[in-house]
All heavy atoms as atom14 arrays in JSON, in Angstrom:
{
  "sequence": "HRPQQEVEAVPEEDTTCLICMDPVGDRKSYTTMVCPACKSAWFHRG",
  "atom14_mask": [
    [1, 1, 1, 1, 1, 1, 1, 1, 1, 1, 0, 0, 0, 0],
    [1, 1, 1, 1, 1, 1, 1, 1, 1, 1, 1, 0, 0, 0],
    [1, 1, 1, 1, 1, 1, 1, 0, 0, 0, 0, 0, 0, 0],
    [1, 1, 1, 1, 1, 1, 1, 1, 1, 0, 0, 0, 0, 0],
    [1, 1, 1, 1, 1, 1, 1, 1, 1, 0, 0, 0, 0, 0],
    [1, 1, 1, 1, 1, 1, 1, 1, 1, 0, 0, 0, 0, 0],
    [1, 1, 1, 1, 1, 1, 1, 0, 0, 0, 0, 0, 0, 0],
    [1, 1, 1, 1, 1, 1, 1, 1, 1, 0, 0, 0, 0, 0],
    [1, 1, 1, 1, 1, 0, 0, 0, 0, 0, 0, 0, 0, 0],
    [1, 1, 1, 1, 1, 1, 1, 0, 0, 0, 0, 0, 0, 0],
    [1, 1, 1, 1, 1, 1, 1, 0, 0, 0, 0, 0, 0, 0],
    [1, 1, 1, 1, 1, 1, 1, 1, 1, 0, 0, 0, 0, 0],
    [1, 1, 1, 1, 1, 1, 1, 1, 1, 0, 0, 0, 0, 0],
    [1, 1, 1, 1, 1, 1, 1, 1, 0, 0, 0, 0, 0, 0],
    [1, 1, 1, 1, 1, 1, 1, 0, 0, 0, 0, 0, 0, 0],
    [1, 1, 1, 1, 1, 1, 1, 0, 0, 0, 0, 0, 0, 0],
    [1, 1, 1, 1, 1, 1, 0, 0, 0, 0, 0, 0, 0, 0],
    [1, 1, 1, 1, 1, 1, 1, 1, 0, 0, 0, 0, 0, 0],
    [1, 1, 1, 1, 1, 1, 1, 1, 0, 0, 0, 0, 0, 0],
    [1, 1, 1, 1, 1, 1, 0, 0, 0, 0, 0, 0, 0, 0],
    [1, 1, 1, 1, 1, 1, 1, 1, 0, 0, 0, 0, 0, 0],
    [1, 1, 1, 1, 1, 1, 1, 1, 0, 0, 0, 0, 0, 0],
    [1, 1, 1, 1, 1, 1, 1, 0, 0, 0, 0, 0, 0, 0],
    [1, 1, 1, 1, 1, 1, 1, 0, 0, 0, 0, 0, 0, 0],
    [1, 1, 1, 1, 0, 0, 0, 0, 0, 0, 0, 0, 0, 0],
    [1, 1, 1, 1, 1, 1, 1, 1, 0, 0, 0, 0, 0, 0],
    [1, 1, 1, 1, 1, 1, 1, 1, 1, 1, 1, 0, 0, 0],
    [1, 1, 1, 1, 1, 1, 1, 1, 1, 0, 0, 0, 0, 0],
    [1, 1, 1, 1, 1, 1, 0, 0, 0, 0, 0, 0, 0, 0],
    [1, 1, 1, 1, 1, 1, 1, 1, 1, 1, 1, 1, 0, 0],
    [1, 1, 1, 1, 1, 1, 1, 0, 0, 0, 0, 0, 0, 0],
    [1, 1, 1, 1, 1, 1, 1, 0, 0, 0, 0, 0, 0, 0],
    [1, 1, 1, 1, 1, 1, 1, 1, 0, 0, 0, 0, 0, 0],
    [1, 1, 1, 1, 1, 1, 1, 0, 0, 0, 0, 0, 0, 0],
    [1, 1, 1, 1, 1, 1, 0, 0, 0, 0, 0, 0, 0, 0],
    [1, 1, 1, 1, 1, 1, 1, 0, 0, 0, 0, 0, 0, 0],
    [1, 1, 1, 1, 1, 0, 0, 0, 0, 0, 0, 0, 0, 0],
    [1, 1, 1, 1, 1, 1, 0, 0, 0, 0, 0, 0, 0, 0],
    [1, 1, 1, 1, 1, 1, 1, 1, 1, 0, 0, 0, 0, 0],
    [1, 1, 1, 1, 1, 1, 0, 0, 0, 0, 0, 0, 0, 0],
    [1, 1, 1, 1, 1, 0, 0, 0, 0, 0, 0, 0, 0, 0],
    [1, 1, 1, 1, 1, 1, 1, 1, 1, 1, 1, 1, 1, 1],
    [1, 1, 1, 1, 1, 1, 1, 1, 1, 1, 1, 0, 0, 0],
    [1, 1, 1, 1, 1, 1, 1, 1, 1, 1, 0, 0, 0, 0],
    [1, 1, 1, 1, 1, 1, 1, 1, 1, 1, 1, 0, 0, 0],
    [1, 1, 1, 1, 0, 0, 0, 0, 0, 0, 0, 0, 0, 0]
  ],
  "atom14_positions": [
    [[-2.08, 10.61, 15.94], [-1.15, 9.79, 16.71], [-1.18, 8.31, 16.34], [-0.51, 7.51, 16.99], [-1.45, 9.96, 18.21], [-1.32, 11.37, 18.66], [-2.4, 12.11, 19.1], [-0.24, 12.19, 18.7], [-1.99, 13.33, 19.43], [-0.69, 13.41, 19.18], [0.0, 0.0, 0.0], [0.0, 0.0, 0.0], [0.0, 0.0, 0.0], [0.0, 0.0, 0.0]],
    [[-1.92, 7.95, 15.32], [-2.02, 6.54, 14.93], [-0.66, 6.03, 14.45], [0.17, 6.8, 13.96], [-3.07, 6.36, 13.85], [-2.66, 6.95, 12.52], [-3.68, 6.69, 11.44], [-3.19, 7.22, 10.18], [-3.74, 8.22, 9.54], [-4.82, 8.79, 10.0], [-3.21, 8.64, 8.4], [0.0, 0.0, 0.0], [0.0, 0.0, 0.0], [0.0, 0.0, 0.0]],
    [[-0.42, 4.72, 14.59], [0.84, 4.16, 14.09], [0.9, 4.26, 12.57], [-0.12, 4.19, 11.9], [0.8, 2.71, 14.55], [-0.61, 2.42, 14.89], [-1.27, 3.72, 15.21], [0.0, 0.0, 0.0], [0.0, 0.0, 0.0], [0.0, 0.0, 0.0], [0.0, 0.0, 0.0], [0.0, 0.0, 0.0], [0.0, 0.0, 0.0], [0.0, 0.0, 0.0]],
    [[2.1, 4.43, 12.07], [2.34, 4.49, 10.62], [3.19, 3.3, 10.23], [4.03, 2.84, 11.01], [3.1, 5.78, 10.26], [2.45, 7.06, 10.73], [1.21, 7.41, 9.96], [1.12, 7.16, 8.77], [0.23, 7.98, 10.64], [0.0, 0.0, 0.0], [0.0, 0.0, 0.0], [0.0, 0.0, 0.0], [0.0, 0.0, 0.0], [0.0, 0.0, 0.0]],
    [[3.02, 2.81, 9.03], [3.89, 1.74, 8.56], [5.29, 2.29, 8.39], [5.48, 3.33, 7.75], [3.38, 1.17, 7.24], [2.18, 0.27, 7.4], [1.96, -0.57, 6.16], [1.5, -0.06, 5.16], [2.31, -1.84, 6.25], [0.0, 0.0, 0.0], [0.0, 0.0, 0.0], [0.0, 0.0, 0.0], [0.0, 0.0, 0.0], [0.0, 0.0, 0.0]],
    [[6.26, 1.61, 8.96], [7.64, 2.07, 8.9], [8.38, 1.57, 7.68], [9.45, 2.07, 7.36], [8.38, 1.67, 10.18], [7.83, 2.38, 11.4], [8.59, 2.03, 12.67], [9.72, 1.51, 12.57], [8.05, 2.28, 13.75], [0.0, 0.0, 0.0], [0.0, 0.0, 0.0], [0.0, 0.0, 0.0], [0.0, 0.0, 0.0], [0.0, 0.0, 0.0]],
    [[7.84, 0.58, 7.01], [8.5, 0.01, 5.84], [8.68, 1.08, 4.78], [7.78, 1.88, 4.52], [7.71, -1.21, 5.29], [6.32, -0.81, 4.85], [8.45, -1.87, 4.16], [0.0, 0.0, 0.0], [0.0, 0.0, 0.0], [0.0, 0.0, 0.0], [0.0, 0.0, 0.0], [0.0, 0.0, 0.0], [0.0, 0.0, 0.0], [0.0, 0.0, 0.0]],
    [[9.87, 1.14, 4.2], [10.18, 2.1, 3.15], [9.8, 1.48, 1.81], [10.52, 0.63, 1.28], [11.67, 2.46, 3.17], [12.1, 3.21, 4.41], [11.44, 4.58, 4.52], [11.21, 5.23, 3.48], [11.15, 4.98, 5.66], [0.0, 0.0, 0.0], [0.0, 0.0, 0.0], [0.0, 0.0, 0.0], [0.0, 0.0, 0.0], [0.0, 0.0, 0.0]],
    [[8.68, 1.89, 1.28], [8.22, 1.37, -0.01], [7.29, 2.4, -0.64], [6.55, 3.08, 0.05], [7.5, 0.05, 0.17], [0.0, 0.0, 0.0], [0.0, 0.0, 0.0], [0.0, 0.0, 0.0], [0.0, 0.0, 0.0], [0.0, 0.0, 0.0], [0.0, 0.0, 0.0], [0.0, 0.0, 0.0], [0.0, 0.0, 0.0], [0.0, 0.0, 0.0]],
    [[7.37, 2.49, -1.95], [6.5, 3.37, -2.72], [5.95, 2.54, -3.87], [6.71, 1.84, -4.54], [7.28, 4.59, -3.27], [6.39, 5.45, -4.14], [7.87, 5.39, -2.13], [0.0, 0.0, 0.0], [0.0, 0.0, 0.0], [0.0, 0.0, 0.0], [0.0, 0.0, 0.0], [0.0, 0.0, 0.0], [0.0, 0.0, 0.0], [0.0, 0.0, 0.0]],
    [[4.64, 2.59, -4.1], [4.09, 1.79, -5.2], [4.57, 2.3, -6.56], [4.75, 3.5, -6.75], [2.58, 1.95, -5.05], [2.39, 3.19, -4.27], [3.61, 3.36, -3.42], [0.0, 0.0, 0.0], [0.0, 0.0, 0.0], [0.0, 0.0, 0.0], [0.0, 0.0, 0.0], [0.0, 0.0, 0.0], [0.0, 0.0, 0.0], [0.0, 0.0, 0.0]],
    [[4.78, 1.35, -7.46], [5.13, 1.74, -8.82], [3.91, 2.39, -9.47], [2.79, 2.24, -9.0], [5.57, 0.51, -9.61], [6.85, -0.1, -9.1], [7.24, -1.34, -9.89], [6.66, -1.58, -10.97], [8.12, -2.07, -9.41], [0.0, 0.0, 0.0], [0.0, 0.0, 0.0], [0.0, 0.0, 0.0], [0.0, 0.0, 0.0], [0.0, 0.0, 0.0]],
    [[4.13, 3.09, -10.53], [3.03, 3.74, -11.24], [2.01, 2.68, -11.68], [2.38, 1.6, -12.13], [3.57, 4.48, -12.46], [2.55, 5.38, -13.1], [3.16, 6.24, -14.2], [4.37, 6.53, -14.13], [2.42, 6.59, -15.13], [0.0, 0.0, 0.0], [0.0, 0.0, 0.0], [0.0, 0.0, 0.0], [0.0, 0.0, 0.0], [0.0, 0.0, 0.0]],
    [[0.74, 2.99, -11.5], [-0.37, 2.11, -11.87], [-0.46, 0.83, -11.04], [-1.01, -0.17, -11.48], [-0.32, 1.74, -13.36], [-0.42, 2.96, -14.26], [-1.14, 3.91, -13.9], [0.22, 2.96, -15.33], [0.0, 0.0, 0.0], [0.0, 0.0, 0.0], [0.0, 0.0, 0.0], [0.0, 0.0, 0.0], [0.0, 0.0, 0.0], [0.0, 0.0, 0.0]],
    [[0.09, 0.84, -9.82], [-0.03, -0.31, -8.93], [-1.48, -0.44, -8.48], [-2.13, 0.54, -8.15], [0.89, -0.16, -7.7], [2.25, -0.12, -8.16], [0.74, -1.31, -6.74], [0.0, 0.0, 0.0], [0.0, 0.0, 0.0], [0.0, 0.0, 0.0], [0.0, 0.0, 0.0], [0.0, 0.0, 0.0], [0.0, 0.0, 0.0], [0.0, 0.0, 0.0]],
    [[-1.96, -1.67, -8.46], [-3.33, -1.93, -8.06], [-3.37, -2.77, -6.78], [-2.42, -3.49, -6.47], [-4.13, -2.66, -9.16], [-3.48, -3.9, -9.44], [-4.22, -1.82, -10.42], [0.0, 0.0, 0.0], [0.0, 0.0, 0.0], [0.0, 0.0, 0.0], [0.0, 0.0, 0.0], [0.0, 0.0, 0.0], [0.0, 0.0, 0.0], [0.0, 0.0, 0.0]],
    [[-4.48, -2.69, -6.09], [-4.73, -3.5, -4.91], [-4.82, -4.96, -5.35], [-5.53, -5.28, -6.31], [-6.04, -3.05, -4.25], [-6.63, -4.11, -2.92], [0.0, 0.0, 0.0], [0.0, 0.0, 0.0], [0.0, 0.0, 0.0], [0.0, 0.0, 0.0], [0.0, 0.0, 0.0], [0.0, 0.0, 0.0], [0.0, 0.0, 0.0], [0.0, 0.0, 0.0]],
    [[-4.12, -5.84, -4.66], [-4.13, -7.25, -5.02], [-5.48, -7.91, -4.79], [-5.73, -8.99, -5.3], [-3.07, -8.01, -4.21], [-1.64, -7.72, -4.58], [-0.69, -8.45, -3.65], [-1.37, -8.09, -6.02], [0.0, 0.0, 0.0], [0.0, 0.0, 0.0], [0.0, 0.0, 0.0], [0.0, 0.0, 0.0], [0.0, 0.0, 0.0], [0.0, 0.0, 0.0]],
    [[-6.35, -7.26, -4.05], [-7.63, -7.87, -3.72], [-8.74, -7.37, -4.64], [-9.46, -8.16, -5.24], [-7.96, -7.64, -2.24], [-6.87, -8.29, -1.39], [-9.34, -8.19, -1.88], [-6.85, -7.88, 0.05], [0.0, 0.0, 0.0], [0.0, 0.0, 0.0], [0.0, 0.0, 0.0], [0.0, 0.0, 0.0], [0.0, 0.0, 0.0], [0.0, 0.0, 0.0]],
    [[-8.87, -6.05, -4.79], [-9.96, -5.5, -5.61], [-9.52, -5.07, -7.01], [-10.35, -4.78, -7.86], [-10.63, -4.33, -4.89], [-9.64, -2.81, -4.87], [0.0, 0.0, 0.0], [0.0, 0.0, 0.0], [0.0, 0.0, 0.0], [0.0, 0.0, 0.0], [0.0, 0.0, 0.0], [0.0, 0.0, 0.0], [0.0, 0.0, 0.0], [0.0, 0.0, 0.0]],
    [[-8.21, -4.98, -7.24], [-7.62, -4.6, -8.52], [-7.83, -3.13, -8.89], [-7.58, -2.73, -10.02], [-8.11, -5.51, -9.65], [-7.84, -6.99, -9.42], [-6.11, -7.35, -9.03], [-5.35, -7.06, -10.59], [0.0, 0.0, 0.0], [0.0, 0.0, 0.0], [0.0, 0.0, 0.0], [0.0, 0.0, 0.0], [0.0, 0.0, 0.0], [0.0, 0.0, 0.0]],
    [[-8.27, -2.29, -7.94], [-8.37, -0.85, -8.17], [-7.03, -0.2, -7.83], [-6.26, -0.74, -7.03], [-9.47, -0.24, -7.3], [-10.87, -0.55, -7.81], [-11.0, -0.92, -9.0], [-11.82, -0.45, -7.02], [0.0, 0.0, 0.0], [0.0, 0.0, 0.0], [0.0, 0.0, 0.0], [0.0, 0.0, 0.0], [0.0, 0.0, 0.0], [0.0, 0.0, 0.0]],
    [[-6.74, 0.97, -8.39], [-5.47, 1.66, -8.1], [-5.33, 1.96, -6.6], [-6.31, 2.24, -5.92], [-5.57, 2.96, -8.89], [-6.59, 2.7, -9.94], [-7.55, 1.71, -9.37], [0.0, 0.0, 0.0], [0.0, 0.0, 0.0], [0.0, 0.0, 0.0], [0.0, 0.0, 0.0], [0.0, 0.0, 0.0], [0.0, 0.0, 0.0], [0.0, 0.0, 0.0]],
    [[-4.08, 1.91, -6.11], [-3.81, 2.19, -4.69], [-3.28, 3.6, -4.45], [-3.13, 4.0, -3.31], [-2.83, 1.17, -4.06], [-3.43, -0.2, -4.02], [-1.5, 1.18, -4.78], [0.0, 0.0, 0.0], [0.0, 0.0, 0.0], [0.0, 0.0, 0.0], [0.0, 0.0, 0.0], [0.0, 0.0, 0.0], [0.0, 0.0, 0.0], [0.0, 0.0, 0.0]],
    [[-2.99, 4.33, -5.49], [-2.44, 5.67, -5.3], [-0.93, 5.64, -5.39], [-0.33, 4.66, -5.82], [0.0, 0.0, 0.0], [0.0, 0.0, 0.0], [0.0, 0.0, 0.0], [0.0, 0.0, 0.0], [0.0, 0.0, 0.0], [0.0, 0.0, 0.0], [0.0, 0.0, 0.0], [0.0, 0.0, 0.0], [0.0, 0.0, 0.0], [0.0, 0.0, 0.0]],
    [[-0.31, 6.73, -4.94], [1.13, 6.86, -5.14], [1.95, 6.77, -3.86], [3.15, 7.02, -3.87], [1.43, 8.18, -5.85], [0.96, 9.39, -5.06], [0.31, 9.22, -4.01], [1.26, 10.51, -5.5], [0.0, 0.0, 0.0], [0.0, 0.0, 0.0], [0.0, 0.0, 0.0], [0.0, 0.0, 0.0], [0.0, 0.0, 0.0], [0.0, 0.0, 0.0]],
    [[1.3, 6.42, -2.71], [2.06, 6.34, -1.45], [1.26, 5.58, -0.41], [0.07, 5.35, -0.56], [2.37, 7.73, -0.94], [1.13, 8.55, -0.63], [1.46, 9.97, -0.21], [0.27, 10.77, -0.14], [-0.55, 10.83, 0.92], [-0.28, 10.13, 1.99], [-1.62, 11.58, 0.89], [0.0, 0.0, 0.0], [0.0, 0.0, 0.0], [0.0, 0.0, 0.0]],
    [[1.93, 5.22, 0.69], [1.24, 4.64, 1.84], [0.39, 5.72, 2.47], [0.75, 6.89, 2.47], [2.24, 4.14, 2.9], [3.09, 2.99, 2.48], [4.06, 2.62, 3.59], [4.99, 3.79, 3.85], [6.06, 3.6, 4.74], [0.0, 0.0, 0.0], [0.0, 0.0, 0.0], [0.0, 0.0, 0.0], [0.0, 0.0, 0.0], [0.0, 0.0, 0.0]],
    [[-0.75, 5.32, 3.0], [-1.63, 6.26, 3.68], [-2.52, 5.46, 4.63], [-2.33, 4.25, 4.78], [-2.5, 7.02, 2.67], [-3.4, 6.14, 2.03], [0.0, 0.0, 0.0], [0.0, 0.0, 0.0], [0.0, 0.0, 0.0], [0.0, 0.0, 0.0], [0.0, 0.0, 0.0], [0.0, 0.0, 0.0], [0.0, 0.0, 0.0], [0.0, 0.0, 0.0]],
    [[-3.47, 6.11, 5.23], [-4.41, 5.39, 6.09], [-5.16, 4.31, 5.29], [-5.36, 3.22, 5.76], [-5.42, 6.36, 6.72], [-6.46, 5.66, 7.56], [-6.15, 5.2, 8.83], [-7.75, 5.46, 7.07], [-7.11, 4.54, 9.59], [-8.7, 4.82, 7.83], [-8.38, 4.35, 9.1], [-9.31, 3.7, 9.85], [0.0, 0.0, 0.0], [0.0, 0.0, 0.0]],
    [[-5.51, 4.63, 4.06], [-6.3, 3.7, 3.26], [-5.47, 2.78, 2.37], [-6.0, 1.84, 1.8], [-7.3, 4.46, 2.36], [-6.57, 5.37, 1.54], [-8.31, 5.23, 3.2], [0.0, 0.0, 0.0], [0.0, 0.0, 0.0], [0.0, 0.0, 0.0], [0.0, 0.0, 0.0], [0.0, 0.0, 0.0], [0.0, 0.0, 0.0], [0.0, 0.0, 0.0]],
    [[-4.18, 3.03, 2.23], [-3.31, 2.23, 1.38], [-2.17, 1.65, 2.21], [-1.45, 2.38, 2.88], [-2.73, 3.08, 0.23], [-3.81, 3.62, -0.52], [-1.85, 2.26, -0.67], [0.0, 0.0, 0.0], [0.0, 0.0, 0.0], [0.0, 0.0, 0.0], [0.0, 0.0, 0.0], [0.0, 0.0, 0.0], [0.0, 0.0, 0.0], [0.0, 0.0, 0.0]],
    [[-2.04, 0.33, 2.15], [-1.02, -0.36, 2.95], [-0.17, -1.26, 2.07], [-0.56, -1.61, 0.96], [-1.72, -1.18, 4.05], [-2.62, -0.32, 4.93], [-3.7, -1.28, 5.99], [-2.53, -1.81, 7.22], [0.0, 0.0, 0.0], [0.0, 0.0, 0.0], [0.0, 0.0, 0.0], [0.0, 0.0, 0.0], [0.0, 0.0, 0.0], [0.0, 0.0, 0.0]],
    [[0.98, -1.66, 2.62], [1.9, -2.54, 1.9], [2.35, -3.66, 2.83], [2.42, -3.47, 4.05], [3.12, -1.74, 1.36], [3.95, -1.16, 2.49], [3.96, -2.58, 0.42], [0.0, 0.0, 0.0], [0.0, 0.0, 0.0], [0.0, 0.0, 0.0], [0.0, 0.0, 0.0], [0.0, 0.0, 0.0], [0.0, 0.0, 0.0], [0.0, 0.0, 0.0]],
    [[2.67, -4.8, 2.27], [3.2, -5.91, 3.06], [4.6, -5.53, 3.54], [5.46, -5.18, 2.73], [3.26, -7.19, 2.24], [4.13, -8.55, 3.07], [0.0, 0.0, 0.0], [0.0, 0.0, 0.0], [0.0, 0.0, 0.0], [0.0, 0.0, 0.0], [0.0, 0.0, 0.0], [0.0, 0.0, 0.0], [0.0, 0.0, 0.0], [0.0, 0.0, 0.0]],
    [[4.89, -5.63, 4.84], [6.21, -5.27, 5.34], [7.28, -6.31, 5.0], [8.46, -6.01, 5.06], [6.0, -5.18, 6.86], [4.88, -6.13, 7.12], [3.98, -6.03, 5.92], [0.0, 0.0, 0.0], [0.0, 0.0, 0.0], [0.0, 0.0, 0.0], [0.0, 0.0, 0.0], [0.0, 0.0, 0.0], [0.0, 0.0, 0.0], [0.0, 0.0, 0.0]],
    [[6.88, -7.51, 4.62], [7.85, -8.56, 4.31], [8.36, -8.44, 2.87], [9.56, -8.33, 2.64], [7.23, -9.94, 4.54], [0.0, 0.0, 0.0], [0.0, 0.0, 0.0], [0.0, 0.0, 0.0], [0.0, 0.0, 0.0], [0.0, 0.0, 0.0], [0.0, 0.0, 0.0], [0.0, 0.0, 0.0], [0.0, 0.0, 0.0], [0.0, 0.0, 0.0]],
    [[7.46, -8.45, 1.89], [7.9, -8.42, 0.49], [7.95, -7.01, -0.09], [8.61, -6.79, -1.1], [6.99, -9.3, -0.37], [5.3, -8.7, -0.57], [0.0, 0.0, 0.0], [0.0, 0.0, 0.0], [0.0, 0.0, 0.0], [0.0, 0.0, 0.0], [0.0, 0.0, 0.0], [0.0, 0.0, 0.0], [0.0, 0.0, 0.0], [0.0, 0.0, 0.0]],
    [[7.26, -6.06, 0.53], [7.22, -4.66, 0.09], [6.7, -4.51, -1.34], [6.91, -3.5, -1.99], [8.6, -4.01, 0.21], [9.13, -4.02, 1.61], [10.52, -3.46, 1.7], [11.03, -3.63, 3.12], [12.45, -3.67, 3.21], [0.0, 0.0, 0.0], [0.0, 0.0, 0.0], [0.0, 0.0, 0.0], [0.0, 0.0, 0.0], [0.0, 0.0, 0.0]],
    [[6.01, -5.53, -1.84], [5.48, -5.5, -3.2], [3.97, -5.65, -3.24], [3.35, -5.34, -4.24], [6.1, -6.64, -4.03], [7.49, -6.47, -4.12], [0.0, 0.0, 0.0], [0.0, 0.0, 0.0], [0.0, 0.0, 0.0], [0.0, 0.0, 0.0], [0.0, 0.0, 0.0], [0.0, 0.0, 0.0], [0.0, 0.0, 0.0], [0.0, 0.0, 0.0]],
    [[3.39, -6.16, -2.16], [1.95, -6.38, -2.11], [1.27, -5.13, -1.56], [1.46, -4.77, -0.41], [1.63, -7.58, -1.24], [0.0, 0.0, 0.0], [0.0, 0.0, 0.0], [0.0, 0.0, 0.0], [0.0, 0.0, 0.0], [0.0, 0.0, 0.0], [0.0, 0.0, 0.0], [0.0, 0.0, 0.0], [0.0, 0.0, 0.0], [0.0, 0.0, 0.0]],
    [[0.49, -4.47, -2.39], [-0.23, -3.26, -2.0], [-1.71, -3.56, -1.95], [-2.23, -4.33, -2.75], [0.05, -2.13, -3.0], [1.44, -1.62, -2.88], [2.55, -2.13, -3.5], [1.9, -0.55, -2.06], [3.66, -1.42, -3.12], [3.29, -0.44, -2.24], [1.25, 0.35, -1.21], [4.05, 0.51, -1.59], [2.01, 1.31, -0.57], [3.4, 1.38, -0.76]],
    [[-2.4, -2.96, -0.99], [-3.83, -3.19, -0.85], [-4.47, -2.06, -0.09], [-3.8, -1.29, 0.59], [-4.12, -4.53, -0.15], [-3.09, -4.9, 0.88], [-3.15, -4.37, 2.16], [-2.05, -5.75, 0.57], [-2.2, -4.68, 3.1], [-1.09, -6.07, 1.52], [-1.16, -5.54, 2.78], [0.0, 0.0, 0.0], [0.0, 0.0, 0.0], [0.0, 0.0, 0.0]],
    [[-5.77, -1.96, -0.22], [-6.55, -0.97, 0.53], [-6.85, -1.52, 1.91], [-7.02, -2.73, 2.09], [-7.87, -0.68, -0.19], [-7.69, -0.14, -1.57], [-8.01, -0.86, -2.69], [-7.2, 1.05, -1.99], [-7.74, -0.14, -3.75], [-7.25, 1.03, -3.36], [0.0, 0.0, 0.0], [0.0, 0.0, 0.0], [0.0, 0.0, 0.0], [0.0, 0.0, 0.0]],
    [[-6.94, -0.65, 2.9], [-7.27, -1.04, 4.27], [-8.56, -1.85, 4.32], [-8.63, -2.89, 4.94], [-7.39, 0.2, 5.16], [-7.82, -0.1, 6.59], [-7.89, 1.16, 7.42], [-6.55, 1.65, 7.72], [-5.81, 1.23, 8.74], [-6.27, 0.32, 9.58], [-4.61, 1.73, 8.94], [0.0, 0.0, 0.0], [0.0, 0.0, 0.0], [0.0, 0.0, 0.0]],
    [[-9.6, -1.36, 3.65], [-10.87, -2.07, 3.65], [-10.78, -3.45, 3.01], [-11.42, -4.4, 3.47], [0.0, 0.0, 0.0], [0.0, 0.0, 0.0], [0.0, 0.0, 0.0], [0.0, 0.0, 0.0], [0.0, 0.0, 0.0], [0.0, 0.0, 0.0], [0.0, 0.0, 0.0], [0.0, 0.0, 0.0], [0.0, 0.0, 0.0], [0.0, 0.0, 0.0]]
  ]
}
């Protein structure tokens, strides 16, 4: 029942976290988030 990000965005292939530079995967998830304003900044929850 946790809230989900409603922003419609999918990371491009080989997108990395802006903070740790590790891959973020291929979609939003509990551990992968995106900025709702620019829809281009991907990062890990941690």
